Amino acid sequence: MEAVAAAFIRHDPHMIYEAYLRVYENGCRIADIRTRDGRFYFTFQDPDGNVFMVSETF
């Protein structure tokens, strides 16, 4: 998840893609993507059902 956060902080589409592939390969899935008040919110779910969110200002 650190790689996902770093990719969004850098606003680097290639890094975002690579970070998501690593998360996906570890069994996590994007459960939801939303925007609100100038922020992106990505909600991930891990294989155990735990849900966590990454947000980024755009």
N, C-alpha and C. Protein backbone atom coordinates (compact mmCIF):
# COMPACT_ATOMS: atom_id res chain seq x y z
N MET A 1 0.81 -1.18 0.00
CA MET A 1 0.00 0.00 0.00
C MET A 1 0.87 1.25 0.00
N GLU A 2 2.07 1.15 0.54
CA GLU A 2 2.96 2.32 0.50
C GLU A 2 3.25 2.73 -0.94
N ALA A 3 3.41 1.75 -1.82
CA ALA A 3 3.68 2.05 -3.22
C ALA A 3 2.48 2.74 -3.88
N VAL A 4 1.27 2.33 -3.51
CA VAL A 4 0.06 2.96 -4.05
C VAL A 4 0.02 4.42 -3.61
N ALA A 5 0.22 4.66 -2.34
CA ALA A 5 0.18 6.03 -1.82
C ALA A 5 1.26 6.88 -2.49
N ALA A 6 2.47 6.36 -2.60
CA ALA A 6 3.57 7.11 -3.23
C ALA A 6 3.25 7.43 -4.68
N ALA A 7 2.66 6.50 -5.39
CA ALA A 7 2.31 6.72 -6.80
C ALA A 7 1.29 7.84 -6.95
N PHE A 8 0.30 7.87 -6.08
CA PHE A 8 -0.69 8.93 -6.15
C PHE A 8 -0.12 10.27 -5.74
N ILE A 9 0.76 10.28 -4.77
CA ILE A 9 1.40 11.53 -4.36
C ILE A 9 2.19 12.12 -5.52
N ARG A 10 2.83 11.27 -6.29
CA ARG A 10 3.62 11.72 -7.45
C ARG A 10 2.76 12.00 -8.68
N HIS A 11 1.49 11.61 -8.64
CA HIS A 11 0.59 11.78 -9.79
C HIS A 11 1.17 11.09 -11.03
N ASP A 12 1.72 9.90 -10.83
CA ASP A 12 2.39 9.17 -11.90
C ASP A 12 1.55 7.97 -12.33
N PRO A 13 0.88 8.07 -13.50
CA PRO A 13 0.00 6.98 -13.93
C PRO A 13 0.69 5.62 -14.04
N HIS A 14 1.94 5.61 -14.52
CA HIS A 14 2.65 4.33 -14.65
C HIS A 14 2.92 3.72 -13.28
N MET A 15 3.33 4.55 -12.32
CA MET A 15 3.57 4.05 -10.96
C MET A 15 2.27 3.56 -10.32
N ILE A 16 1.16 4.26 -10.58
CA ILE A 16 -0.15 3.85 -10.05
C ILE A 16 -0.50 2.47 -10.59
N TYR A 17 -0.32 2.29 -11.89
CA TYR A 17 -0.62 1.01 -12.53
C TYR A 17 0.24 -0.11 -11.95
N GLU A 18 1.54 0.12 -11.83
CA GLU A 18 2.44 -0.90 -11.30
C GLU A 18 2.12 -1.23 -9.85
N ALA A 19 1.81 -0.21 -9.06
CA ALA A 19 1.47 -0.43 -7.65
C ALA A 19 0.18 -1.23 -7.55
N TYR A 20 -0.81 -0.90 -8.37
CA TYR A 20 -2.07 -1.64 -8.31
C TYR A 20 -1.85 -3.10 -8.71
N LEU A 21 -1.02 -3.36 -9.70
CA LEU A 21 -0.74 -4.75 -10.10
C LEU A 21 -0.16 -5.54 -8.93
N ARG A 22 0.75 -4.92 -8.18
CA ARG A 22 1.34 -5.60 -7.02
C ARG A 22 0.29 -5.89 -5.95
N VAL A 23 -0.60 -4.91 -5.71
CA VAL A 23 -1.68 -5.11 -4.73
C VAL A 23 -2.59 -6.23 -5.20
N TYR A 24 -2.95 -6.21 -6.48
CA TYR A 24 -3.84 -7.22 -7.07
C TYR A 24 -3.23 -8.61 -6.97
N GLU A 25 -1.94 -8.71 -7.26
CA GLU A 25 -1.26 -10.01 -7.20
C GLU A 25 -1.25 -10.58 -5.78
N ASN A 26 -1.38 -9.72 -4.79
CA ASN A 26 -1.43 -10.16 -3.39
C ASN A 26 -2.85 -10.41 -2.91
N GLY A 27 -3.81 -10.40 -3.83
CA GLY A 27 -5.17 -10.77 -3.49
C GLY A 27 -6.11 -9.65 -3.12
N CYS A 28 -5.65 -8.40 -3.20
CA CYS A 28 -6.52 -7.26 -2.88
C CYS A 28 -7.26 -6.81 -4.13
N ARG A 29 -8.44 -6.28 -3.93
CA ARG A 29 -9.26 -5.79 -5.04
C ARG A 29 -9.76 -4.40 -4.71
N ILE A 30 -9.93 -3.57 -5.75
CA ILE A 30 -10.55 -2.27 -5.53
C ILE A 30 -12.04 -2.51 -5.34
N ALA A 31 -12.56 -2.08 -4.20
CA ALA A 31 -13.97 -2.24 -3.89
C ALA A 31 -14.77 -1.03 -4.35
N ASP A 32 -14.13 0.16 -4.41
CA ASP A 32 -14.86 1.37 -4.76
C ASP A 32 -13.86 2.47 -5.11
N ILE A 33 -14.25 3.34 -6.03
CA ILE A 33 -13.48 4.54 -6.36
C ILE A 33 -14.48 5.70 -6.38
N ARG A 34 -14.15 6.75 -5.65
CA ARG A 34 -15.04 7.92 -5.59
C ARG A 34 -14.22 9.20 -5.62
N THR A 35 -14.87 10.28 -6.01
CA THR A 35 -14.27 11.61 -5.88
C THR A 35 -15.22 12.47 -5.07
N ARG A 36 -14.63 13.33 -4.27
CA ARG A 36 -15.44 14.25 -3.48
C ARG A 36 -14.55 15.41 -3.02
N ASP A 37 -15.03 16.60 -3.24
CA ASP A 37 -14.32 17.80 -2.79
C ASP A 37 -12.86 17.82 -3.24
N GLY A 38 -12.61 17.45 -4.49
CA GLY A 38 -11.25 17.49 -5.02
C GLY A 38 -10.34 16.37 -4.56
N ARG A 39 -10.90 15.28 -4.07
CA ARG A 39 -10.10 14.14 -3.61
C ARG A 39 -10.60 12.85 -4.27
N PHE A 40 -9.66 11.98 -4.59
CA PHE A 40 -9.98 10.61 -5.01
C PHE A 40 -9.97 9.73 -3.77
N TYR A 41 -10.90 8.81 -3.69
CA TYR A 41 -10.94 7.82 -2.61
C TYR A 41 -10.98 6.43 -3.24
N PHE A 42 -9.99 5.62 -2.94
CA PHE A 42 -9.92 4.25 -3.42
C PHE A 42 -10.10 3.33 -2.22
N THR A 43 -11.09 2.47 -2.28
CA THR A 43 -11.32 1.52 -1.20
C THR A 43 -10.90 0.14 -1.69
N PHE A 44 -10.00 -0.49 -0.94
CA PHE A 44 -9.49 -1.81 -1.28
C PHE A 44 -10.03 -2.84 -0.28
N GLN A 45 -10.14 -4.08 -0.77
CA GLN A 45 -10.52 -5.18 0.11
C GLN A 45 -9.48 -6.27 -0.03
N ASP A 46 -8.95 -6.74 1.12
CA ASP A 46 -7.95 -7.80 1.08
C ASP A 46 -8.62 -9.17 1.09
N PRO A 47 -7.85 -10.24 0.90
CA PRO A 47 -8.45 -11.59 0.83
C PRO A 47 -9.21 -12.00 2.09
N ASP A 48 -8.91 -11.39 3.23
CA ASP A 48 -9.61 -11.72 4.47
C ASP A 48 -10.88 -10.90 4.66
N GLY A 49 -11.16 -10.00 3.71
CA GLY A 49 -12.36 -9.19 3.81
C GLY A 49 -12.15 -7.84 4.47
N ASN A 50 -10.92 -7.55 4.91
CA ASN A 50 -10.64 -6.24 5.51
C ASN A 50 -10.69 -5.17 4.43
N VAL A 51 -11.24 -4.01 4.79
CA VAL A 51 -11.39 -2.91 3.84
C VAL A 51 -10.54 -1.74 4.32
N PHE A 52 -9.82 -1.10 3.38
CA PHE A 52 -9.05 0.07 3.73
C PHE A 52 -9.11 1.07 2.59
N MET A 53 -8.84 2.34 2.89
CA MET A 53 -9.02 3.40 1.93
C MET A 53 -7.73 4.18 1.75
N VAL A 54 -7.49 4.58 0.49
CA VAL A 54 -6.39 5.47 0.14
C VAL A 54 -7.05 6.69 -0.48
N SER A 55 -6.64 7.89 -0.07
CA SER A 55 -7.20 9.09 -0.68
C SER A 55 -6.07 9.98 -1.17
N GLU A 56 -6.38 10.79 -2.18
CA GLU A 56 -5.39 11.66 -2.80
C GLU A 56 -6.10 12.89 -3.31
N THR A 57 -5.49 14.04 -3.12
CA THR A 57 -6.01 15.29 -3.66
C THR A 57 -5.57 15.41 -5.11
N PHE A 58 -6.48 15.86 -5.97
CA PHE A 58 -6.09 16.07 -7.36
C PHE A 58 -6.25 17.51 -7.74
